[in-house]
Amino acid sequence: MTIFKFLLAPILSIVTITLCLAGSPGDNVKITQKEFDDRIEFYAVNHNPIPVSIRFKFVMRGLKEAQTEREYQVIHPNTSEKVVAVLSKTGQAWTYKYNMQVYLGDFYSGGHNQDHIYQLPFEKGQSFLLSQGYDGSFSHHKINAIDFTMPEGTTINALRNGIVAEVIEHNDRGCASRECLDLANSILIYHEDGSFARYAHLQKNGALIEIGEIVKAGQAIGLSGNTGWSSQPHLHFAIFEIREGNLMYSLPTLFQTETGVTYLEEGKYYKCP
């Protein structure tokens, strides 16, 4: 007799709006099982537009889990079924249940390239005030995120090349309190080194790209707005990695500015060269 139970680890809750994923990547991962005379095999298909990393935790009797080279299995998008776990039968009556954790991205990608130089996220020749920087006192405490004050409808450009992993654009309101925390329109882009960029507080229907689209640095991706937890129209963005436990680790990054390559500082105006 088989007792089957599927539990998806919840995506992390975190203090700042732009470091939250709107849904679970596991919603788009299909798991199937096939029973053979001597074993049970588990297969995964990833319907997300980017890789996911998954880990199984089994509770079982009368079965033995086959050892794998890596603790996490990386499932690339738009590929055929991949064997992600095997339970060998021992000849005794058996049962099992399992928990599966799903992480967006390739857990073994090697980590963010700290030497990468990012482009400013607006059009060439435009200049905007960096109103809140890393570890800012209003909403960036211990978070490496950046706010640029700008009028609603300003064109937002991609910071670097990547794949669009998520688009939220249905929200139509914002306010200066936490009650609006979940109302920000945003775009999530996955980079080749495994890092992500989240662009937030966009206009309703302000996305200029679609999920799964490949974008280039400097490409127009959206229109700025004032949705979500926001006291004035601005763009909020952060670069981050997803680490074990679904913890999102925000990263300081270098930018190409009119005066050279630098880390951005709060209270300064920056012009896109």
Protein backbone atom coordinates (compact mmCIF):
# COMPACT_ATOMS: atom_id res chain seq x y z
CA MET A 1 0.00 0.00 0.00
CA THR A 2 1.34 3.42 -0.92
CA ILE A 3 0.72 6.46 1.23
CA PHE A 4 1.49 9.51 -0.86
CA LYS A 5 1.70 13.01 0.45
CA PHE A 6 3.02 16.09 -1.35
CA LEU A 7 4.04 19.15 0.62
CA LEU A 8 5.57 22.15 -1.09
CA ALA A 9 7.86 24.29 1.04
CA PRO A 10 6.37 27.78 1.26
CA ILE A 11 8.17 30.56 -0.54
CA LEU A 12 9.84 32.82 1.91
CA SER A 13 8.25 35.77 3.56
CA ILE A 14 10.56 38.74 3.80
CA VAL A 15 10.45 42.27 5.05
CA THR A 16 10.63 44.19 1.81
CA ILE A 17 8.22 44.13 -1.02
CA THR A 18 10.61 43.74 -3.88
CA LEU A 19 12.26 40.66 -2.46
CA CYS A 20 9.04 38.64 -2.34
CA LEU A 21 8.02 36.19 -5.00
CA ALA A 22 4.34 36.45 -5.87
CA GLY A 23 3.75 32.72 -6.12
CA SER A 24 5.38 29.38 -5.65
CA PRO A 25 7.70 28.06 -8.39
CA GLY A 26 6.47 24.59 -7.42
CA ASP A 27 3.11 25.41 -8.97
CA ASN A 28 4.76 24.95 -12.37
CA VAL A 29 6.78 21.81 -11.56
CA LYS A 30 5.03 18.53 -12.37
CA ILE A 31 6.07 15.44 -10.38
CA THR A 32 5.08 11.94 -11.47
CA GLN A 33 5.98 8.47 -10.18
CA LYS A 34 6.43 5.13 -11.89
CA GLU A 35 6.53 1.85 -10.00
CA PHE A 36 8.74 -1.02 -11.17
CA ASP A 37 9.28 -4.48 -9.70
CA ASP A 38 12.33 -3.37 -7.71
CA ARG A 39 11.97 0.42 -7.38
CA ILE A 40 9.87 3.58 -7.58
CA GLU A 41 11.13 6.41 -9.76
CA PHE A 42 10.17 10.08 -9.46
CA TYR A 43 10.21 12.37 -12.49
CA ALA A 44 10.02 16.15 -12.78
CA VAL A 45 9.08 18.51 -15.59
CA ASN A 46 9.67 22.25 -15.15
CA HIS A 47 7.12 24.56 -16.76
CA ASN A 48 8.72 27.71 -15.33
CA PRO A 49 10.62 29.88 -17.85
CA ILE A 50 13.87 29.50 -15.87
CA PRO A 51 15.64 26.61 -14.08
CA VAL A 52 14.47 25.40 -10.69
CA SER A 53 16.37 23.43 -8.05
CA ILE A 54 14.46 20.83 -6.04
CA ARG A 55 15.18 18.67 -3.02
CA PHE A 56 13.21 15.71 -1.68
CA LYS A 57 12.86 14.62 1.93
CA PHE A 58 11.35 11.14 2.31
CA VAL A 59 9.74 9.40 5.26
CA MET A 60 9.42 5.73 4.30
CA ARG A 61 9.30 2.12 5.39
CA GLY A 62 10.42 -0.89 3.39
CA LEU A 63 12.25 1.33 0.89
CA LYS A 64 15.76 2.73 0.51
CA GLU A 65 16.56 6.01 -1.21
CA ALA A 66 19.25 5.86 -3.90
CA GLN A 67 22.13 8.24 -3.26
CA THR A 68 22.70 11.11 -5.71
CA GLU A 69 25.80 13.17 -6.43
CA ARG A 70 24.03 16.39 -5.46
CA GLU A 71 21.52 17.20 -2.77
CA TYR A 72 19.51 19.37 -5.17
CA GLN A 73 18.35 18.40 -8.64
CA VAL A 74 18.39 21.21 -11.22
CA ILE A 75 15.48 21.03 -13.65
CA HIS A 76 15.83 23.19 -16.74
CA PRO A 77 12.77 24.68 -18.43
CA ASN A 78 11.06 23.13 -21.43
CA THR A 79 12.84 19.79 -21.16
CA SER A 80 11.57 16.21 -21.03
CA GLU A 81 11.00 14.32 -17.78
CA LYS A 82 14.06 14.00 -15.55
CA VAL A 83 14.55 11.33 -12.90
CA VAL A 84 14.92 13.23 -9.64
CA ALA A 85 14.69 10.44 -7.03
CA VAL A 86 14.66 6.64 -6.84
CA LEU A 87 13.40 4.45 -3.99
CA SER A 88 14.57 0.84 -4.05
CA LYS A 89 12.30 -1.89 -2.69
CA THR A 90 13.70 -4.09 0.08
CA GLY A 91 11.25 -6.98 -0.19
CA GLN A 92 9.16 -5.80 2.75
CA ALA A 93 5.78 -4.08 2.78
CA TRP A 94 6.40 -0.44 2.01
CA THR A 95 4.93 3.03 2.43
CA TYR A 96 6.29 6.51 1.84
CA LYS A 97 5.53 10.19 1.98
CA TYR A 98 7.69 13.13 1.04
CA ASN A 99 8.29 16.83 1.24
CA MET A 100 9.71 18.67 -1.76
CA GLN A 101 11.42 22.05 -1.65
CA VAL A 102 11.50 24.09 -4.85
CA TYR A 103 13.96 26.94 -5.44
CA LEU A 104 13.85 29.32 -8.39
CA GLY A 105 17.08 29.22 -10.36
CA ASP A 106 20.09 26.92 -10.61
CA PHE A 107 21.35 26.25 -7.09
CA TYR A 108 24.78 25.34 -8.52
CA SER A 109 25.18 28.31 -10.86
CA GLY A 110 28.31 29.49 -9.04
CA GLY A 111 26.95 32.70 -7.57
CA HIS A 112 26.63 36.32 -8.55
CA ASN A 113 29.44 37.85 -10.58
CA GLN A 114 30.52 40.69 -8.29
CA ASP A 115 32.53 42.30 -11.09
CA HIS A 116 29.54 42.68 -13.39
CA ILE A 117 28.83 46.32 -14.26
CA TYR A 118 25.11 47.13 -14.37
CA GLN A 119 23.43 49.77 -16.48
CA LEU A 120 21.22 52.41 -14.92
CA PRO A 121 17.56 51.45 -15.38
CA PHE A 122 16.40 54.44 -17.43
CA GLU A 123 16.95 56.06 -20.81
CA LYS A 124 20.27 57.56 -21.92
CA GLY A 125 20.57 61.22 -21.00
CA GLN A 126 17.98 61.04 -18.23
CA SER A 127 18.93 61.94 -14.65
CA PHE A 128 17.10 60.98 -11.44
CA LEU A 129 17.56 61.32 -7.70
CA LEU A 130 18.53 58.21 -5.75
CA SER A 131 16.10 58.85 -2.89
CA GLN A 132 16.84 55.70 -0.86
CA GLY A 133 19.92 53.52 -1.08
CA TYR A 134 21.40 50.44 0.53
CA ASP A 135 20.28 49.96 4.14
CA GLY A 136 17.97 52.97 3.82
CA SER A 137 16.07 54.08 6.90
CA PHE A 138 12.54 54.09 5.41
CA SER A 139 12.15 50.55 4.05
CA HIS A 140 15.62 49.21 3.15
CA HIS A 141 16.91 48.25 6.60
CA LYS A 142 19.64 45.63 6.05
CA ILE A 143 18.58 45.35 2.40
CA ASN A 144 20.71 46.24 -0.64
CA ALA A 145 17.98 47.94 -2.65
CA ILE A 146 17.71 51.22 -4.53
CA ASP A 147 14.92 53.77 -5.08
CA PHE A 148 14.97 56.33 -7.87
CA THR A 149 12.35 59.08 -7.62
CA MET A 150 10.78 59.58 -11.06
CA PRO A 151 7.44 60.59 -12.61
CA GLU A 152 4.85 57.93 -13.29
CA GLY A 153 5.13 56.53 -16.79
CA THR A 154 8.92 56.84 -17.01
CA THR A 155 10.39 54.08 -19.20
CA ILE A 156 12.32 51.50 -17.18
CA ASN A 157 15.19 49.62 -18.83
CA ALA A 158 16.77 46.28 -17.97
CA LEU A 159 19.88 46.49 -15.79
CA ARG A 160 21.49 43.54 -17.60
CA ASN A 161 20.68 40.64 -19.93
CA GLY A 162 18.28 38.01 -18.64
CA ILE A 163 15.05 36.04 -18.90
CA VAL A 164 11.73 37.36 -17.65
CA ALA A 165 10.66 35.05 -14.82
CA GLU A 166 7.60 36.87 -13.49
CA VAL A 167 5.36 39.81 -14.39
CA ILE A 168 2.79 41.39 -12.04
CA GLU A 169 0.86 44.32 -13.53
CA HIS A 170 -2.78 44.08 -12.40
CA ASN A 171 -2.57 46.28 -9.28
CA ASP A 172 -3.91 49.83 -9.43
CA ARG A 173 -3.27 51.38 -6.02
CA GLY A 174 -0.55 52.23 -3.53
CA CYS A 175 -0.15 53.92 -0.17
CA ALA A 176 2.56 54.91 2.30
CA SER A 177 1.86 52.09 4.76
CA ARG A 178 2.40 48.34 4.98
CA GLU A 179 -1.26 47.64 4.18
CA CYS A 180 -0.29 48.13 0.53
CA LEU A 181 2.72 45.82 0.77
CA ASP A 182 1.31 43.20 -1.61
CA LEU A 183 -0.06 45.65 -4.18
CA ALA A 184 3.12 46.52 -6.08
CA ASN A 185 3.34 45.71 -9.76
CA SER A 186 6.75 44.29 -10.58
CA ILE A 187 8.98 42.43 -13.00
CA LEU A 188 11.44 39.68 -12.04
CA ILE A 189 14.37 38.91 -14.37
CA TYR A 190 16.77 35.97 -14.03
CA HIS A 191 20.45 36.44 -14.95
CA GLU A 192 22.93 33.91 -16.32
CA ASP A 193 24.95 33.84 -13.07
CA GLY A 194 21.87 32.76 -11.10
CA SER A 195 21.03 36.18 -9.67
CA PHE A 196 17.72 38.01 -10.05
CA ALA A 197 16.60 41.61 -10.47
CA ARG A 198 13.24 42.79 -9.14
CA TYR A 199 11.80 46.06 -10.53
CA ALA A 200 8.84 47.28 -8.46
CA HIS A 201 6.02 49.84 -8.07
CA LEU A 202 5.28 49.86 -11.80
CA GLN A 203 2.11 51.27 -13.37
CA LYS A 204 -0.96 49.12 -13.83
CA ASN A 205 -0.49 47.29 -17.15
CA GLY A 206 2.97 48.84 -17.21
CA ALA A 207 4.96 45.79 -18.33
CA LEU A 208 6.46 46.02 -21.81
CA ILE A 209 7.72 42.42 -21.86
CA GLU A 210 6.26 38.96 -21.23
CA ILE A 211 7.17 35.97 -19.05
CA GLY A 212 9.82 33.85 -20.76
CA GLU A 213 11.09 36.68 -22.96
CA ILE A 214 14.84 37.16 -23.32
CA VAL A 215 15.81 40.77 -22.66
CA LYS A 216 19.00 42.73 -23.22
CA ALA A 217 20.61 45.32 -20.97
CA GLY A 218 19.14 48.72 -21.76
CA GLN A 219 15.95 47.28 -23.27
CA ALA A 220 12.68 48.94 -22.24
CA ILE A 221 10.81 46.55 -19.94
CA GLY A 222 8.20 48.63 -18.11
CA LEU A 223 6.74 51.95 -16.99
CA SER A 224 7.33 53.34 -13.52
CA GLY A 225 4.43 53.97 -11.18
CA ASN A 226 3.32 54.31 -7.58
CA THR A 227 1.71 50.96 -6.72
CA GLY A 228 2.22 49.03 -3.50
CA TRP A 229 3.92 50.33 -0.36
CA SER A 230 5.03 53.66 -1.82
CA SER A 231 4.90 57.25 -0.60
CA GLN A 232 5.62 58.81 -4.01
CA PRO A 233 6.15 57.72 -7.63
CA HIS A 234 9.48 55.93 -7.93
CA LEU A 235 11.31 52.84 -9.14
CA HIS A 236 12.51 50.37 -6.53
CA PHE A 237 14.89 47.61 -7.57
CA ALA A 238 17.24 45.07 -6.04
CA ILE A 239 19.65 42.39 -7.22
CA PHE A 240 19.55 39.20 -5.16
CA GLU A 241 20.36 35.50 -4.98
CA ILE A 242 18.15 32.75 -3.60
CA ARG A 243 20.08 30.68 -1.10
CA GLU A 244 19.33 27.55 0.88
CA GLY A 245 16.10 27.79 2.81
CA ASN A 246 14.61 30.06 0.10
CA LEU A 247 16.37 32.99 1.77
CA MET A 248 16.81 35.89 -0.60
CA TYR A 249 20.17 37.59 -0.21
CA SER A 250 20.31 41.10 -1.67
CA LEU A 251 23.56 42.20 -3.28
CA PRO A 252 25.48 45.48 -3.68
CA THR A 253 26.37 46.01 -7.34
CA LEU A 254 28.51 48.26 -9.52
CA PHE A 255 26.92 50.63 -12.05
CA GLN A 256 28.12 52.47 -15.12
CA THR A 257 27.39 56.16 -14.58
CA GLU A 258 28.27 59.31 -16.49
CA THR A 259 31.33 59.78 -14.28
CA GLY A 260 32.51 56.16 -14.23
CA VAL A 261 31.90 52.80 -12.56
CA THR A 262 30.74 53.08 -8.96
CA TYR A 263 28.42 51.90 -6.22
CA LEU A 264 25.40 54.20 -6.08
CA GLU A 265 24.86 56.49 -3.09
CA GLU A 266 21.70 57.85 -1.53
CA GLY A 267 20.98 61.55 -2.09
CA LYS A 268 22.80 61.85 -5.40
CA TYR A 269 21.51 62.37 -8.92
CA TYR A 270 22.67 59.90 -11.55
CA LYS A 271 22.59 60.39 -15.31
CA CYS A 272 22.50 57.45 -17.69
CA PRO A 273 25.46 57.79 -20.08
